[in-house]
């Protein structure tokens, strides 16, 4: 289940990165750089969620 949620989050992050780069920059983002930036953001969010202390 976590793999599916990670993939869904990755694709949503990729869409957000693509739209933001189209809005902010004149040149379109290449596929390699877009995938890399989305993967870094996704990995950071998943790791920070896993390392966050649970508050009881």
PDB file of N, CA and C in Angstrom:
ATOM      1  N   UNK A   1       0.817  -1.194   0.000  1.00  0.00           N
ATOM      2  CA  UNK A   1       0.000   0.000   0.000  1.00  0.00           C
ATOM      3  C   UNK A   1       0.866   1.265   0.000  1.00  0.00           C
ATOM      4  N   UNK A   2       1.969   1.227   0.767  1.00  0.00           N
ATOM      5  CA  UNK A   2       2.847   2.405   0.824  1.00  0.00           C
ATOM      6  C   UNK A   2       3.519   2.674  -0.515  1.00  0.00           C
ATOM      7  N   UNK A   3       3.810   1.616  -1.271  1.00  0.00           N
ATOM      8  CA  UNK A   3       4.433   1.796  -2.586  1.00  0.00           C
ATOM      9  C   UNK A   3       3.456   2.503  -3.526  1.00  0.00           C
ATOM     10  N   UNK A   4       2.210   2.103  -3.491  1.00  0.00           N
ATOM     11  CA  UNK A   4       1.198   2.727  -4.346  1.00  0.00           C
ATOM     12  C   UNK A   4       1.008   4.194  -3.960  1.00  0.00           C
ATOM     13  N   UNK A   5       0.945   4.470  -2.670  1.00  0.00           N
ATOM     14  CA  UNK A   5       0.814   5.861  -2.228  1.00  0.00           C
ATOM     15  C   UNK A   5       2.045   6.688  -2.598  1.00  0.00           C
ATOM     16  N   UNK A   6       3.228   6.079  -2.515  1.00  0.00           N
ATOM     17  CA  UNK A   6       4.446   6.776  -2.922  1.00  0.00           C
ATOM     18  C   UNK A   6       4.450   7.105  -4.404  1.00  0.00           C
ATOM     19  N   UNK A   7       3.980   6.166  -5.224  1.00  0.00           N
ATOM     20  CA  UNK A   7       3.909   6.413  -6.670  1.00  0.00           C
ATOM     21  C   UNK A   7       2.891   7.503  -7.005  1.00  0.00           C
ATOM     22  N   UNK A   8       1.758   7.461  -6.341  1.00  0.00           N
ATOM     23  CA  UNK A   8       0.751   8.501  -6.568  1.00  0.00           C
ATOM     24  C   UNK A   8       1.306   9.871  -6.172  1.00  0.00           C
ATOM     25  N   UNK A   9       1.974   9.928  -5.026  1.00  0.00           N
ATOM     26  CA  UNK A   9       2.558  11.198  -4.590  1.00  0.00           C
ATOM     27  C   UNK A   9       3.643  11.664  -5.558  1.00  0.00           C
ATOM     28  N   UNK A  10       4.440  10.721  -6.072  1.00  0.00           N
ATOM     29  CA  UNK A  10       5.485  11.076  -7.030  1.00  0.00           C
ATOM     30  C   UNK A  10       4.883  11.695  -8.287  1.00  0.00           C
ATOM     31  N   UNK A  11       3.823  11.092  -8.817  1.00  0.00           N
ATOM     32  CA  UNK A  11       3.213  11.626 -10.040  1.00  0.00           C
ATOM     33  C   UNK A  11       2.564  12.986  -9.798  1.00  0.00           C
ATOM     34  N   UNK A  12       1.962  13.160  -8.627  1.00  0.00           N
ATOM     35  CA  UNK A  12       1.407  14.479  -8.315  1.00  0.00           C
ATOM     36  C   UNK A  12       2.512  15.527  -8.167  1.00  0.00           C
ATOM     37  N   UNK A  13       3.613  15.146  -7.536  1.00  0.00           N
ATOM     38  CA  UNK A  13       4.738  16.064  -7.395  1.00  0.00           C
ATOM     39  C   UNK A  13       5.347  16.387  -8.753  1.00  0.00           C
ATOM     40  N   UNK A  14       5.430  15.400  -9.622  1.00  0.00           N
ATOM     41  CA  UNK A  14       5.950  15.627 -10.970  1.00  0.00           C
ATOM     42  C   UNK A  14       5.072  16.609 -11.733  1.00  0.00           C
ATOM     43  N   UNK A  15       3.761  16.479 -11.588  1.00  0.00           N
ATOM     44  CA  UNK A  15       2.838  17.411 -12.232  1.00  0.00           C
ATOM     45  C   UNK A  15       3.022  18.826 -11.687  1.00  0.00           C
ATOM     46  N   UNK A  16       3.162  18.947 -10.377  1.00  0.00           N
ATOM     47  CA  UNK A  16       3.344  20.264  -9.759  1.00  0.00           C
ATOM     48  C   UNK A  16       4.661  20.900 -10.213  1.00  0.00           C
ATOM     49  N   UNK A  17       5.730  20.101 -10.274  1.00  0.00           N
ATOM     50  CA  UNK A  17       7.030  20.626 -10.723  1.00  0.00           C
ATOM     51  C   UNK A  17       6.945  21.067 -12.177  1.00  0.00           C
ATOM     52  N   UNK A  18       6.272  20.303 -13.026  1.00  0.00           N
ATOM     53  CA  UNK A  18       6.145  20.646 -14.448  1.00  0.00           C
ATOM     54  C   UNK A  18       5.360  21.942 -14.629  1.00  0.00           C
ATOM     55  N   UNK A  19       4.235  22.065 -13.936  1.00  0.00           N
ATOM     56  CA  UNK A  19       3.418  23.270 -14.060  1.00  0.00           C
ATOM     57  C   UNK A  19       4.165  24.489 -13.514  1.00  0.00           C
ATOM     58  N   UNK A  20       4.837  24.328 -12.384  1.00  0.00           N
ATOM     59  CA  UNK A  20       5.575  25.454 -11.802  1.00  0.00           C
ATOM     60  C   UNK A  20       6.719  25.895 -12.695  1.00  0.00           C
ATOM     61  N   UNK A  21       7.402  24.953 -13.319  1.00  0.00           N
ATOM     62  CA  UNK A  21       8.507  25.341 -14.204  1.00  0.00           C
ATOM     63  C   UNK A  21       7.989  26.015 -15.467  1.00  0.00           C
ATOM     64  N   UNK A  22       6.838  25.594 -15.959  1.00  0.00           N
ATOM     65  CA  UNK A  22       6.259  26.256 -17.129  1.00  0.00           C
ATOM     66  C   UNK A  22       5.804  27.673 -16.800  1.00  0.00           C
ATOM     67  N   UNK A  23       5.308  27.880 -15.584  1.00  0.00           N
ATOM     68  CA  UNK A  23       4.832  29.204 -15.198  1.00  0.00           C
ATOM     69  C   UNK A  23       6.000  30.145 -14.905  1.00  0.00           C
ATOM     70  N   UNK A  24       7.019  29.651 -14.203  1.00  0.00           N
ATOM     71  CA  UNK A  24       8.105  30.517 -13.756  1.00  0.00           C
ATOM     72  C   UNK A  24       9.184  30.757 -14.806  1.00  0.00           C
ATOM     73  N   UNK A  25       9.418  29.786 -15.681  1.00  0.00           N
ATOM     74  CA  UNK A  25      10.497  29.893 -16.655  1.00  0.00           C
ATOM     75  C   UNK A  25       9.941  29.828 -18.067  1.00  0.00           C
ATOM     76  N   UNK A  26      10.633  30.481 -18.993  1.00  0.00           N
ATOM     77  CA  UNK A  26      10.198  30.453 -20.391  1.00  0.00           C
ATOM     78  C   UNK A  26      10.444  29.077 -21.009  1.00  0.00           C
ATOM     79  N   UNK A  27      11.598  28.501 -20.743  1.00  0.00           N
ATOM     80  CA  UNK A  27      11.923  27.192 -21.312  1.00  0.00           C
ATOM     81  C   UNK A  27      11.243  26.102 -20.514  1.00  0.00           C
ATOM     82  N   UNK A  28      10.834  25.073 -21.225  1.00  0.00           N
ATOM     83  CA  UNK A  28      10.205  23.952 -20.549  1.00  0.00           C
ATOM     84  C   UNK A  28      11.264  23.098 -19.856  1.00  0.00           C
ATOM     85  N   UNK A  29      10.882  22.450 -18.803  1.00  0.00           N
ATOM     86  CA  UNK A  29      11.766  21.591 -18.031  1.00  0.00           C
ATOM     87  C   UNK A  29      11.954  20.276 -18.776  1.00  0.00           C
ATOM     88  N   UNK A  30      13.191  19.799 -18.878  1.00  0.00           N
ATOM     89  CA  UNK A  30      13.412  18.515 -19.530  1.00  0.00           C
ATOM     90  C   UNK A  30      12.919  17.389 -18.627  1.00  0.00           C
ATOM     91  N   UNK A  31      12.642  16.251 -19.226  1.00  0.00           N
ATOM     92  CA  UNK A  31      12.053  15.134 -18.485  1.00  0.00           C
ATOM     93  C   UNK A  31      12.988  14.633 -17.391  1.00  0.00           C
ATOM     94  N   UNK A  32      14.283  14.597 -17.664  1.00  0.00           N
ATOM     95  CA  UNK A  32      15.239  14.103 -16.680  1.00  0.00           C
ATOM     96  C   UNK A  32      15.305  14.973 -15.441  1.00  0.00           C
ATOM     97  N   UNK A  33      15.376  16.276 -15.630  1.00  0.00           N
ATOM     98  CA  UNK A  33      15.454  17.179 -14.487  1.00  0.00           C
ATOM     99  C   UNK A  33      14.130  17.227 -13.734  1.00  0.00           C
ATOM    100  N   UNK A  34      13.034  17.120 -14.443  1.00  0.00           N
ATOM    101  CA  UNK A  34      11.733  17.106 -13.774  1.00  0.00           C
ATOM    102  C   UNK A  34      11.554  15.873 -12.917  1.00  0.00           C
ATOM    103  N   UNK A  35      11.956  14.723 -13.446  1.00  0.00           N
ATOM    104  CA  UNK A  35      11.842  13.482 -12.682  1.00  0.00           C
ATOM    105  C   UNK A  35      12.781  13.499 -11.479  1.00  0.00           C
ATOM    106  N   UNK A  36      13.979  14.032 -11.656  1.00  0.00           N
ATOM    107  CA  UNK A  36      14.930  14.110 -10.545  1.00  0.00           C
ATOM    108  C   UNK A  36      14.410  15.003  -9.425  1.00  0.00           C
ATOM    109  N   UNK A  37      13.901  16.167  -9.772  1.00  0.00           N
ATOM    110  CA  UNK A  37      13.414  17.071  -8.729  1.00  0.00           C
ATOM    111  C   UNK A  37      12.179  16.514  -8.042  1.00  0.00           C
ATOM    112  N   UNK A  38      11.289  15.876  -8.784  1.00  0.00           N
ATOM    113  CA  UNK A  38      10.114  15.268  -8.163  1.00  0.00           C
ATOM    114  C   UNK A  38      10.512  14.102  -7.268  1.00  0.00           C
ATOM    115  N   UNK A  39      11.517  13.335  -7.685  1.00  0.00           N
ATOM    116  CA  UNK A  39      11.980  12.208  -6.864  1.00  0.00           C
ATOM    117  C   UNK A  39      12.617  12.705  -5.575  1.00  0.00           C
ATOM    118  N   UNK A  40      13.371  13.779  -5.641  1.00  0.00           N
ATOM    119  CA  UNK A  40      13.995  14.329  -4.435  1.00  0.00           C
ATOM    120  C   UNK A  40      12.948  14.857  -3.457  1.00  0.00           C
ATOM    121  N   UNK A  41      11.960  15.562  -3.972  1.00  0.00           N
ATOM    122  CA  UNK A  41      10.902  16.089  -3.103  1.00  0.00           C
ATOM    123  C   UNK A  41      10.107  14.941  -2.486  1.00  0.00           C
ATOM    124  N   UNK A  42       9.769  13.936  -3.294  1.00  0.00           N
ATOM    125  CA  UNK A  42       9.010  12.789  -2.795  1.00  0.00           C
ATOM    126  C   UNK A  42       9.800  12.034  -1.734  1.00  0.00           C
ATOM    127  N   UNK A  43      11.073  11.789  -1.982  1.00  0.00           N
ATOM    128  CA  UNK A  43      11.903  11.071  -1.011  1.00  0.00           C
ATOM    129  C   UNK A  43      12.033  11.856   0.289  1.00  0.00           C
ATOM    130  N   UNK A  44      12.180  13.161   0.186  1.00  0.00           N
ATOM    131  CA  UNK A  44      12.298  13.981   1.396  1.00  0.00           C
ATOM    132  C   UNK A  44      11.013  13.949   2.217  1.00  0.00           C
ATOM    133  N   UNK A  45       9.876  13.999   1.564  1.00  0.00           N
ATOM    134  CA  UNK A  45       8.608  13.982   2.284  1.00  0.00           C
ATOM    135  C   UNK A  45       8.371  12.619   2.932  1.00  0.00           C
ATOM    136  N   UNK A  46       8.669  11.546   2.214  1.00  0.00           N
ATOM    137  CA  UNK A  46       8.468  10.209   2.772  1.00  0.00           C
ATOM    138  C   UNK A  46       9.414   9.971   3.942  1.00  0.00           C
ATOM    139  N   UNK A  47      10.668  10.372   3.801  1.00  0.00           N
ATOM    140  CA  UNK A  47      11.622  10.195   4.895  1.00  0.00           C
ATOM    141  C   UNK A  47      11.270  11.049   6.112  1.00  0.00           C
ATOM    142  N   UNK A  48      10.870  12.273   5.886  1.00  0.00           N
ATOM    143  CA  UNK A  48      10.512  13.122   7.022  1.00  0.00           C
ATOM    144  C   UNK A  48       9.254  12.603   7.715  1.00  0.00           C
ATOM    145  N   UNK A  49       8.333  12.035   6.967  1.00  0.00           N
ATOM    146  CA  UNK A  49       7.156  11.445   7.573  1.00  0.00           C
ATOM    147  C   UNK A  49       7.498  10.195   8.378  1.00  0.00           C
ATOM    148  N   UNK A  50       8.462   9.417   7.907  1.00  0.00           N
ATOM    149  CA  UNK A  50       8.854   8.205   8.607  1.00  0.00           C
ATOM    150  C   UNK A  50       9.693   8.517   9.857  1.00  0.00           C
ATOM    151  N   UNK A  51      10.454   9.591   9.819  1.00  0.00           N
ATOM    152  CA  UNK A  51      11.318   9.927  10.943  1.00  0.00           C
ATOM    153  C   UNK A  51      10.654  10.816  11.989  1.00  0.00           C
ATOM    154  N   UNK A  52       9.492  11.323  11.666  1.00  0.00           N
ATOM    155  CA  UNK A  52       8.798  12.209  12.601  1.00  0.00           C
ATOM    156  C   UNK A  52       8.382  11.437  13.833  1.00  0.00           C
ATOM    157  N   UNK A  53       8.598  12.054  14.974  1.00  0.00           N
ATOM    158  CA  UNK A  53       8.219  11.406  16.223  1.00  0.00           C
ATOM    159  C   UNK A  53       6.706  11.404  16.359  1.00  0.00           C
ATOM    160  N   UNK A  54       6.202  10.280  16.756  1.00  0.00           N
ATOM    161  CA  UNK A  54       4.774  10.150  16.998  1.00  0.00           C
ATOM    162  C   UNK A  54       4.446  10.762  18.348  1.00  0.00           C
ATOM    163  N   UNK A  55       3.469  11.654  18.381  1.00  0.00           N
ATOM    164  CA  UNK A  55       3.073  12.286  19.628  1.00  0.00           C
ATOM    165  C   UNK A  55       1.836  11.564  20.163  1.00  0.00           C
ATOM    166  N   UNK A  56       1.954  11.086  21.379  1.00  0.00           N
ATOM    167  CA  UNK A  56       0.838  10.352  21.993  1.00  0.00           C
ATOM    168  C   UNK A  56       0.003  11.250  22.853  1.00  0.00           C
TER     169      UNK A  56
END
